[in-house]
Amino acid sequence: MDIFTRAVPERDPLWSDPDLSAAYLAALTRDFELSRLPEEDDFLIPPDLEGHDAESLFDDMADLENTVRAARAASARQDDAFRSLLARADAEPDVWAGPDPTTDLLWRDPRGRSTSEVRAHRRNLAVRAAAADIGVRVQLTDTQVRSRAHRAATLATRTPRLWQTCLQGSVSEQNMAIAAELASSLPANDPEAWDAFDETIHEAAAKLTPGRFRQRARAARERIAPQSLSERHHQASANRYVGVDAALDGMAYFTALVPATAAYAADRLLDQAADDLAANPDETRTRQQLRADAFVDMITRQPDGRGAKITASVNITIPAMTLLNKSDRPATLDGYGPIPLETARALAADATVWFRVLTDPFTGTVLDVERRAYKVPADLRRWLSIRYPICIFPGCTRRAGDCDMDHRERWADGGTTSSINLGPACPRHHPVKDETAFRLERDPDTGQLRWITPTGFVADVDPPPF
């Protein structure tokens, strides 16, 4: 039976009775279960999943998101810990650089520096030594430690809103790096520009993917930067460089930071060279291969275009049995590592100078080095560059040919110029070894070199690659 007497029940006199209204609502809801209401999470689950599978999927996704956020927050806290410890090294350099000699009123610097200059140098060395100490413990280079500490300091100082979001785990490491790079390019003494940049990007950093965030942050930086583009380009061009980074399987990356106009002009030249080579009907290389080969050809030829290739000196260690096709042990390129035997044999065929290095065919231990040079230092350098192909400081990969042959026990302290007392140390790490609390020791029985950091951590020098 229909209890309504009019089309609109609110206007029916019967609904003015509160008891009737309550009885009606009770009748409607008597058999209704609240559990039938959808959960908020149900709207996030694919419609073709039901029951346990749907709940498990949602839980897994939530766990994944929480794990990522926790890892991001931990990464930010690591950066902050690096920053804090390096700041402490700057404020308290004695732990890493040893006692301050300037506190002795009778002391005079043998280099003629003032007291303030000596103390500033000690603080710099202490920070470098602390970064290396941290790096040895956590398997990072000192450069990586300082870079991460600088990132934390930049974000905390110039973009505090963004930094708090980073510590909460809401910003990816890629976006942290982008923000720090752009924030550090702002003027050093312009807090207003820092604040405006922070205000513009801190929310976007937590929402956008790295590619889109870089676009947004670069646009913000361009609007905020008080210097003209010409001034900023002049400053940036001072950082131009060329570098080589090892890749897998006998390959390497050749990178350069140069003015954009020069880079795009060079890129166009490579396109033209690839077009010319591709016109050959017998050409089978891809366009990218043609560009790469043209690039190498341009770099390794004489600037005057005569076509005579420049001869560069590289050290390649090839086991004698390998050259005789009696072994498949790989050849080793100085500063890189293993390279294909075919490449090594081809280079060996064109070599004009050979130095014989006799190695044990079973252990690979160097037994003897041919001594053609009359001067002992040159001969020792050649042997040591084979024994230690890179800088012996922890984490450094600088080629031995670019290093000083450093006396483990300093010459001034009675150290000898001998194979057991010398090793390659690059210009950046040589003073850290000589002027900080780092110590380099040699096992008299095995000859193994090991570093002891200022805080007592012990790390062996890597063995040779052969």
Protein backbone atom coordinates (compact mmCIF):
# COMPACT_ATOMS: atom_id res chain seq x y z
CA MET A 1 0.00 0.00 0.00
CA ASP A 2 1.21 3.48 -0.87
CA ILE A 3 1.37 5.61 2.27
CA PHE A 4 1.78 8.86 0.33
CA THR A 5 -1.38 10.91 -0.17
CA ARG A 6 0.37 13.51 -2.31
CA ALA A 7 3.18 13.43 -4.88
CA VAL A 8 5.49 15.40 -2.60
CA PRO A 9 5.53 13.70 0.81
CA GLU A 10 7.18 16.65 2.62
CA ARG A 11 3.99 18.63 1.95
CA ASP A 12 1.64 15.86 3.10
CA PRO A 13 0.07 16.56 6.55
CA LEU A 14 0.77 12.96 7.52
CA TRP A 15 4.57 13.73 7.64
CA SER A 16 4.09 16.35 10.29
CA ASP A 17 3.71 13.51 12.79
CA PRO A 18 7.26 12.78 14.08
CA ASP A 19 6.38 9.29 15.25
CA LEU A 20 5.21 8.35 11.77
CA SER A 21 8.39 9.73 10.19
CA ALA A 22 10.59 7.78 12.62
CA ALA A 23 8.66 4.55 12.03
CA TYR A 24 8.99 4.96 8.29
CA LEU A 25 12.79 5.47 8.39
CA ALA A 26 13.18 2.50 10.75
CA ALA A 27 11.28 0.31 8.30
CA LEU A 28 13.55 1.37 5.43
CA THR A 29 16.81 0.71 7.29
CA ARG A 30 15.81 -2.38 9.28
CA ASP A 31 17.43 -4.88 6.88
CA PHE A 32 20.27 -2.66 5.64
CA GLU A 33 23.83 -3.62 6.75
CA LEU A 34 26.38 -0.88 7.22
CA SER A 35 29.09 -3.29 6.05
CA ARG A 36 27.58 -3.04 2.59
CA LEU A 37 28.87 0.53 2.30
CA PRO A 38 31.96 0.71 0.04
CA GLU A 39 35.34 1.36 1.65
CA GLU A 40 37.29 4.36 0.43
CA ASP A 41 40.11 2.01 -0.63
CA ASP A 42 37.72 0.02 -2.85
CA PHE A 43 37.69 2.87 -5.34
CA LEU A 44 41.48 2.39 -5.82
CA ILE A 45 41.32 -1.33 -6.60
CA PRO A 46 40.90 -2.58 -10.19
CA PRO A 47 37.31 -3.74 -10.72
CA ASP A 48 38.35 -7.21 -11.97
CA LEU A 49 40.03 -8.10 -8.66
CA GLU A 50 38.01 -9.33 -5.75
CA GLY A 51 38.46 -10.46 -2.19
CA HIS A 52 41.89 -11.36 -0.91
CA ASP A 53 43.70 -10.58 -4.20
CA ALA A 54 42.35 -7.06 -4.27
CA GLU A 55 43.25 -6.41 -0.65
CA SER A 56 46.73 -7.89 -1.11
CA LEU A 57 47.42 -5.76 -4.17
CA PHE A 58 46.39 -2.61 -2.39
CA ASP A 59 48.55 -3.48 0.62
CA ASP A 60 51.56 -4.19 -1.62
CA MET A 61 51.19 -0.86 -3.40
CA ALA A 62 50.85 0.98 -0.09
CA ASP A 63 53.93 -0.81 1.26
CA LEU A 64 55.88 0.10 -1.87
CA GLU A 65 54.96 3.76 -1.56
CA ASN A 66 55.95 3.78 2.12
CA THR A 67 59.25 2.07 1.31
CA VAL A 68 60.09 4.64 -1.36
CA ARG A 69 59.24 7.52 0.96
CA ALA A 70 61.34 6.01 3.75
CA ALA A 71 64.30 5.54 1.39
CA ARG A 72 64.02 9.15 0.18
CA ALA A 73 63.87 10.44 3.73
CA ALA A 74 66.87 8.28 4.68
CA SER A 75 68.82 9.61 1.71
CA ALA A 76 68.12 13.20 2.76
CA ARG A 77 69.17 12.40 6.33
CA GLN A 78 72.39 10.85 5.01
CA ASP A 79 73.15 14.04 3.12
CA ASP A 80 72.45 16.03 6.25
CA ALA A 81 74.71 13.76 8.32
CA PHE A 82 77.54 14.26 5.80
CA ARG A 83 76.97 18.01 5.95
CA SER A 84 77.00 18.03 9.74
CA LEU A 85 80.21 16.03 10.06
CA LEU A 86 82.08 18.10 7.46
CA ALA A 87 80.92 21.26 9.21
CA ARG A 88 82.34 19.84 12.42
CA ALA A 89 85.65 19.11 10.67
CA ASP A 90 85.76 22.73 9.53
CA ALA A 91 85.10 23.96 13.08
CA GLU A 92 87.35 21.40 14.81
CA PRO A 93 90.15 20.56 12.34
CA ASP A 94 92.58 19.06 14.86
CA VAL A 95 91.00 15.59 14.70
CA TRP A 96 91.73 15.26 10.98
CA ALA A 97 94.61 17.70 10.42
CA GLY A 98 96.51 17.17 13.65
CA PRO A 99 97.52 19.74 16.30
CA ASP A 100 97.47 23.39 15.25
CA PRO A 101 101.11 24.57 15.01
CA THR A 102 100.06 28.23 15.02
CA THR A 103 99.23 28.02 18.74
CA ASP A 104 102.99 27.90 19.36
CA LEU A 105 104.10 31.53 19.47
CA LEU A 106 107.61 30.54 18.31
CA TRP A 107 106.42 28.57 15.28
CA ARG A 108 106.99 30.02 11.81
CA ASP A 109 105.47 28.64 8.64
CA PRO A 110 108.24 27.39 6.31
CA ARG A 111 106.16 28.55 3.33
CA GLY A 112 105.90 32.08 4.66
CA ARG A 113 102.12 32.07 5.09
CA SER A 114 100.30 34.12 7.67
CA THR A 115 98.58 32.53 10.67
CA SER A 116 95.14 33.08 9.12
CA GLU A 117 96.27 31.50 5.85
CA VAL A 118 97.66 28.44 7.63
CA ARG A 119 94.48 27.98 9.65
CA ALA A 120 92.29 28.32 6.57
CA HIS A 121 94.46 25.71 4.80
CA ARG A 122 94.14 23.36 7.78
CA ARG A 123 90.36 23.70 7.80
CA ASN A 124 90.25 22.88 4.10
CA LEU A 125 92.47 19.83 4.60
CA ALA A 126 90.39 18.72 7.58
CA VAL A 127 87.19 18.82 5.53
CA ARG A 128 88.85 16.86 2.72
CA ALA A 129 90.25 14.30 5.16
CA ALA A 130 86.89 13.94 6.92
CA ALA A 131 85.15 13.38 3.58
CA ALA A 132 87.69 10.70 2.67
CA ASP A 133 87.31 9.13 6.11
CA ILE A 134 83.54 8.93 5.66
CA GLY A 135 83.92 7.66 2.10
CA VAL A 136 86.17 4.77 3.13
CA ARG A 137 83.59 3.69 5.71
CA VAL A 138 80.53 3.86 3.44
CA GLN A 139 82.17 2.93 0.10
CA LEU A 140 81.89 6.35 -1.51
CA THR A 141 84.61 8.61 -2.87
CA ASP A 142 85.49 11.74 -0.93
CA THR A 143 84.15 13.75 -3.86
CA GLN A 144 80.77 12.03 -3.63
CA VAL A 145 80.60 12.67 0.11
CA ARG A 146 81.39 16.35 -0.33
CA SER A 147 78.90 16.64 -3.19
CA ARG A 148 76.10 15.18 -1.07
CA ALA A 149 77.04 17.38 1.88
CA HIS A 150 77.00 20.42 -0.40
CA ARG A 151 73.57 19.41 -1.68
CA ALA A 152 72.19 19.27 1.87
CA ALA A 153 73.79 22.59 2.82
CA THR A 154 72.45 24.29 -0.32
CA LEU A 155 68.90 23.02 0.12
CA ALA A 156 68.81 23.71 3.87
CA THR A 157 70.13 27.25 3.43
CA ARG A 158 68.54 28.39 0.18
CA THR A 159 65.36 26.33 -0.06
CA PRO A 160 64.31 25.49 3.53
CA ARG A 161 60.69 24.69 2.59
CA LEU A 162 61.82 22.21 -0.02
CA TRP A 163 64.41 20.75 2.37
CA GLN A 164 61.76 19.96 4.98
CA THR A 165 59.75 18.20 2.29
CA CYS A 166 62.86 16.20 1.38
CA LEU A 167 63.37 15.11 5.00
CA GLN A 168 59.77 13.87 5.02
CA GLY A 169 60.52 11.60 2.04
CA SER A 170 58.22 13.38 -0.42
CA VAL A 171 60.92 14.43 -2.93
CA SER A 172 62.84 12.05 -5.19
CA GLU A 173 66.64 12.10 -5.13
CA GLN A 174 66.63 13.25 -8.75
CA ASN A 175 64.49 16.27 -7.89
CA MET A 176 66.67 16.99 -4.85
CA ALA A 177 69.73 17.07 -7.11
CA ILE A 178 68.00 19.29 -9.67
CA ALA A 179 66.85 21.76 -7.01
CA ALA A 180 70.30 21.90 -5.41
CA GLU A 181 72.02 22.43 -8.76
CA LEU A 182 69.76 25.33 -9.70
CA ALA A 183 69.65 26.84 -6.22
CA SER A 184 73.45 26.85 -6.03
CA SER A 185 73.56 28.82 -9.30
CA LEU A 186 71.70 31.74 -7.70
CA PRO A 187 73.78 34.67 -6.40
CA ALA A 188 75.65 33.88 -3.19
CA ASN A 189 74.32 36.87 -1.23
CA ASP A 190 70.72 37.20 -2.35
CA PRO A 191 68.33 35.65 0.23
CA GLU A 192 65.37 37.26 -1.52
CA ALA A 193 66.13 35.33 -4.72
CA TRP A 194 66.57 32.13 -2.71
CA ASP A 195 63.21 32.61 -1.00
CA ALA A 196 61.41 33.35 -4.25
CA PHE A 197 62.91 30.26 -5.86
CA ASP A 198 61.98 28.11 -2.86
CA GLU A 199 58.42 29.44 -2.83
CA THR A 200 58.01 28.65 -6.52
CA ILE A 201 59.35 25.09 -6.60
CA HIS A 202 58.89 23.42 -3.20
CA GLU A 203 55.44 22.01 -3.96
CA ALA A 204 56.29 21.05 -7.54
CA ALA A 205 59.31 19.06 -6.33
CA ALA A 206 57.00 16.66 -4.50
CA LYS A 207 54.53 16.28 -7.37
CA LEU A 208 56.41 16.28 -10.69
CA THR A 209 58.63 13.71 -12.35
CA PRO A 210 62.30 14.74 -12.73
CA GLY A 211 61.97 15.78 -16.38
CA ARG A 212 59.01 18.05 -15.80
CA PHE A 213 60.38 19.34 -12.54
CA ARG A 214 63.62 20.37 -14.22
CA GLN A 215 61.64 22.36 -16.76
CA ARG A 216 59.58 24.05 -14.04
CA ALA A 217 62.61 24.77 -11.84
CA ARG A 218 64.71 26.11 -14.73
CA ALA A 219 61.91 28.45 -15.74
CA ALA A 220 61.64 29.68 -12.14
CA ARG A 221 65.36 30.20 -11.93
CA GLU A 222 65.41 32.17 -15.20
CA ARG A 223 62.67 34.50 -13.91
CA ILE A 224 64.33 35.01 -10.52
CA ALA A 225 68.02 35.28 -11.40
CA PRO A 226 68.98 38.97 -11.14
CA GLN A 227 71.97 38.64 -13.48
CA SER A 228 71.61 38.83 -17.22
CA LEU A 229 71.91 35.67 -19.31
CA SER A 230 75.14 37.03 -20.79
CA GLU A 231 76.70 37.40 -17.33
CA ARG A 232 75.58 33.96 -16.25
CA HIS A 233 76.88 32.39 -19.46
CA HIS A 234 80.27 34.01 -18.92
CA GLN A 235 80.45 32.54 -15.41
CA ALA A 236 79.24 29.11 -16.52
CA SER A 237 81.75 28.89 -19.37
CA ALA A 238 84.56 28.97 -16.81
CA ASN A 239 83.48 25.42 -15.82
CA ARG A 240 83.91 23.88 -19.28
CA TYR A 241 85.74 20.56 -19.32
CA VAL A 242 86.25 17.27 -21.16
CA GLY A 243 86.17 13.90 -19.42
CA VAL A 244 86.26 10.16 -20.03
CA ASP A 245 84.26 7.62 -18.02
CA ALA A 246 84.62 3.87 -18.35
CA ALA A 247 81.71 1.80 -19.65
CA LEU A 248 81.34 -1.96 -20.06
CA ASP A 249 82.88 -4.31 -22.62
CA GLY A 250 85.83 -2.20 -23.68
CA MET A 251 83.83 0.97 -24.24
CA ALA A 252 83.93 4.44 -22.65
CA TYR A 253 81.92 7.66 -22.52
CA PHE A 254 83.61 10.81 -23.85
CA THR A 255 81.81 13.86 -22.45
CA ALA A 256 82.34 17.60 -22.71
CA LEU A 257 80.77 20.67 -21.13
CA VAL A 258 81.19 23.51 -23.61
CA PRO A 259 79.21 26.56 -24.74
CA ALA A 260 75.94 25.53 -26.38
CA THR A 261 76.76 27.26 -29.67
CA ALA A 262 79.98 25.27 -30.00
CA ALA A 263 78.26 22.01 -28.99
CA TYR A 264 75.50 22.35 -31.56
CA ALA A 265 77.97 23.38 -34.24
CA ALA A 266 80.02 20.25 -33.53
CA ASP A 267 76.85 18.17 -33.56
CA ARG A 268 75.99 19.56 -36.99
CA LEU A 269 79.47 18.71 -38.27
CA LEU A 270 78.98 15.13 -37.12
CA ASP A 271 75.67 15.01 -38.99
CA GLN A 272 77.36 16.23 -42.16
CA ALA A 273 80.18 13.71 -41.79
CA ALA A 274 77.67 10.91 -41.24
CA ASP A 275 75.74 11.99 -44.33
CA ASP A 276 78.90 11.92 -46.44
CA LEU A 277 79.85 8.44 -45.17
CA ALA A 278 76.31 7.11 -45.60
CA ALA A 279 76.39 8.09 -49.29
CA ASN A 280 78.85 5.26 -49.90
CA PRO A 281 76.79 2.38 -51.37
CA ASP A 282 78.85 -0.18 -49.46
CA GLU A 283 78.32 1.52 -46.09
CA THR A 284 76.62 -0.74 -43.53
CA ARG A 285 77.04 1.22 -40.29
CA THR A 286 74.05 2.84 -38.59
CA ARG A 287 73.78 6.62 -38.39
CA GLN A 288 74.75 6.65 -34.72
CA GLN A 289 77.77 4.45 -35.45
CA LEU A 290 78.79 6.77 -38.27
CA ARG A 291 78.52 9.81 -36.01
CA ALA A 292 80.57 8.11 -33.30
CA ASP A 293 83.28 7.03 -35.73
CA ALA A 294 83.39 10.50 -37.30
CA PHE A 295 83.77 12.05 -33.85
CA VAL A 296 86.75 9.85 -32.98
CA ASP A 297 88.30 10.46 -36.37
CA MET A 298 88.03 14.25 -35.94
CA ILE A 299 89.52 14.17 -32.45
CA THR A 300 92.47 11.95 -33.30
CA ARG A 301 93.60 13.76 -36.44
CA GLN A 302 95.90 16.71 -36.81
CA PRO A 303 94.22 20.13 -36.40
CA ASP A 304 95.57 21.23 -39.81
CA GLY A 305 93.58 18.48 -41.51
CA ARG A 306 96.58 16.70 -43.00
CA GLY A 307 95.08 13.38 -41.96
CA ALA A 308 98.06 12.10 -40.01
CA LYS A 309 96.80 10.58 -36.82
CA ILE A 310 98.05 11.84 -33.49
CA THR A 311 100.03 9.24 -31.61
CA ALA A 312 98.98 9.02 -27.98
CA SER A 313 100.81 7.07 -25.32
CA VAL A 314 98.73 4.46 -23.50
CA ASN A 315 99.84 1.54 -21.37
CA ILE A 316 98.41 -1.86 -22.14
CA THR A 317 99.42 -4.93 -20.16
CA ILE A 318 99.18 -8.09 -22.29
CA PRO A 319 100.18 -11.50 -20.89
CA ALA A 320 102.88 -13.00 -23.12
CA MET A 321 101.00 -16.28 -23.39
CA THR A 322 97.97 -14.35 -24.65
CA LEU A 323 99.99 -12.79 -27.46
CA LEU A 324 101.14 -16.30 -28.40
CA ASN A 325 97.52 -17.55 -28.45
CA LYS A 326 98.32 -19.90 -25.57
CA SER A 327 96.00 -18.18 -23.10
CA ASP A 328 92.75 -16.22 -23.08
CA ARG A 329 93.65 -14.03 -20.10
CA PRO A 330 92.48 -10.48 -20.98
CA ALA A 331 94.69 -7.50 -21.68
CA THR A 332 94.42 -4.47 -19.38
CA LEU A 333 94.24 -0.83 -20.46
CA ASP A 334 95.88 1.52 -17.98
CA GLY A 335 93.22 3.45 -16.07
CA TYR A 336 90.33 1.44 -17.55
CA GLY A 337 90.54 -2.32 -17.05
CA PRO A 338 90.07 -5.38 -19.31
CA ILE A 339 89.78 -4.83 -23.08
CA PRO A 340 89.11 -7.34 -25.89
CA LEU A 341 92.12 -9.40 -26.94
CA GLU A 342 91.55 -8.51 -30.60
CA THR A 343 91.86 -4.80 -29.75
CA ALA A 344 95.00 -5.38 -27.69
CA ARG A 345 96.66 -7.47 -30.42
CA ALA A 346 95.87 -4.81 -33.04
CA LEU A 347 97.42 -2.12 -30.86
CA ALA A 348 100.42 -4.33 -30.12
CA ALA A 349 101.01 -4.80 -33.85
CA ASP A 350 101.31 -1.00 -34.30
CA ALA A 351 103.37 -0.36 -31.16
CA THR A 352 106.74 1.32 -31.73
CA VAL A 353 108.05 0.96 -28.15
CA TRP A 354 107.84 -2.13 -25.97
CA PHE A 355 108.73 -2.65 -22.33
CA ARG A 356 108.93 -6.25 -21.22
CA VAL A 357 107.15 -7.05 -17.97
CA LEU A 358 107.68 -10.60 -16.76
CA THR A 359 104.79 -11.98 -14.72
CA ASP A 360 104.24 -15.30 -13.04
CA PRO A 361 101.95 -17.28 -15.43
CA PHE A 362 100.00 -18.72 -12.50
CA THR A 363 99.72 -15.86 -10.00
CA GLY A 364 100.24 -12.85 -12.28
CA THR A 365 102.79 -11.39 -9.84
CA VAL A 366 105.34 -9.04 -11.42
CA LEU A 367 108.73 -10.72 -11.28
CA ASP A 368 110.93 -8.37 -13.28
CA VAL A 369 110.81 -5.19 -15.40
CA GLU A 370 113.18 -4.57 -18.29
CA ARG A 371 115.47 -1.70 -17.42
CA ARG A 372 116.29 0.29 -20.57
CA ALA A 373 116.36 3.72 -18.98
CA TYR A 374 119.54 4.80 -17.23
CA LYS A 375 117.80 7.08 -14.75
CA VAL A 376 116.36 5.09 -11.87
CA PRO A 377 113.36 7.39 -11.20
CA ALA A 378 112.00 6.92 -14.72
CA ASP A 379 112.40 3.16 -14.48
CA LEU A 380 110.76 3.08 -11.07
CA ARG A 381 107.86 5.20 -12.32
CA ARG A 382 107.31 2.76 -15.17
CA TRP A 383 107.28 -0.22 -12.79
CA LEU A 384 105.08 1.48 -10.22
CA SER A 385 102.61 2.65 -12.87
CA ILE A 386 102.13 -1.01 -13.76
CA ARG A 387 101.99 -2.16 -10.16
CA TYR A 388 99.59 0.64 -9.20
CA PRO A 389 97.79 1.83 -12.37
CA ILE A 390 95.72 4.42 -10.45
CA CYS A 391 96.16 6.72 -7.47
CA ILE A 392 96.49 4.62 -4.31
CA PHE A 393 94.28 6.90 -2.20
CA PRO A 394 90.97 5.23 -1.23
CA GLY A 395 88.31 5.63 -3.91
CA CYS A 396 90.44 7.61 -6.38
CA THR A 397 90.61 6.51 -10.03
CA ARG A 398 93.14 9.04 -11.36
CA ARG A 399 95.63 7.39 -13.73
CA ALA A 400 99.09 6.80 -12.34
CA GLY A 401 100.53 8.72 -15.28
CA ASP A 402 98.78 11.84 -13.98
CA CYS A 403 99.99 11.35 -10.40
CA ASP A 404 103.06 12.18 -8.35
CA MET A 405 105.19 9.22 -7.30
CA ASP A 406 104.84 9.91 -3.62
CA HIS A 407 107.19 8.75 -0.88
CA ARG A 408 105.17 6.71 1.62
CA GLU A 409 107.70 7.75 4.24
CA ARG A 410 108.52 11.34 3.35
CA TRP A 411 111.94 12.07 1.91
CA ALA A 412 112.45 14.78 4.52
CA ASP A 413 111.88 12.16 7.22
CA GLY A 414 114.43 9.72 5.81
CA GLY A 415 112.26 7.86 3.30
CA THR A 416 114.06 6.21 0.39
CA THR A 417 113.35 6.46 -3.34
CA SER A 418 112.60 2.78 -3.81
CA SER A 419 109.83 0.53 -5.05
CA ILE A 420 108.73 -0.32 -1.50
CA ASN A 421 108.43 3.34 -0.51
CA LEU A 422 106.80 4.87 -3.59
CA GLY A 423 103.29 4.92 -4.96
CA PRO A 424 101.18 7.16 -7.22
CA ALA A 425 99.25 9.91 -5.42
CA CYS A 426 97.25 12.43 -7.41
CA PRO A 427 97.69 16.18 -6.77
CA ARG A 428 94.37 16.31 -4.91
CA HIS A 429 95.16 13.49 -2.47
CA HIS A 430 98.91 13.93 -2.11
CA PRO A 431 98.57 16.77 0.44
CA VAL A 432 95.83 14.89 2.30
CA LYS A 433 98.27 12.03 2.80
CA ASP A 434 101.16 14.30 3.82
CA GLU A 435 99.39 16.99 5.85
CA THR A 436 96.51 15.25 7.65
CA ALA A 437 96.15 12.42 10.14
CA PHE A 438 95.77 9.81 7.38
CA ARG A 439 98.53 7.16 7.54
CA LEU A 440 99.81 4.81 4.85
CA GLU A 441 101.50 1.63 6.09
CA ARG A 442 103.11 -1.33 4.35
CA ASP A 443 103.06 -4.93 5.52
CA PRO A 444 106.74 -5.96 5.54
CA ASP A 445 105.88 -9.61 4.80
CA THR A 446 103.31 -9.28 1.99
CA GLY A 447 104.04 -5.77 0.71
CA GLN A 448 100.34 -4.92 1.06
CA LEU A 449 99.69 -1.20 1.49
CA ARG A 450 96.88 -0.11 3.78
CA TRP A 451 95.44 3.21 4.86
CA ILE A 452 94.47 4.11 8.43
CA THR A 453 92.00 6.98 8.55
CA PRO A 454 92.12 9.73 11.21
CA THR A 455 89.31 7.94 13.10
CA GLY A 456 91.04 4.55 12.94
CA PHE A 457 89.33 2.78 10.03
CA VAL A 458 91.64 0.47 8.04
CA ALA A 459 91.38 0.03 4.26
CA ASP A 460 93.73 -1.95 1.99
CA VAL A 461 94.99 -0.45 -1.25
CA ASP A 462 93.41 -2.24 -4.21
CA PRO A 463 95.57 -4.96 -5.81
CA PRO A 464 96.81 -4.53 -9.40
CA PRO A 465 94.42 -5.62 -12.18
CA PHE A 466 96.71 -8.36 -13.56
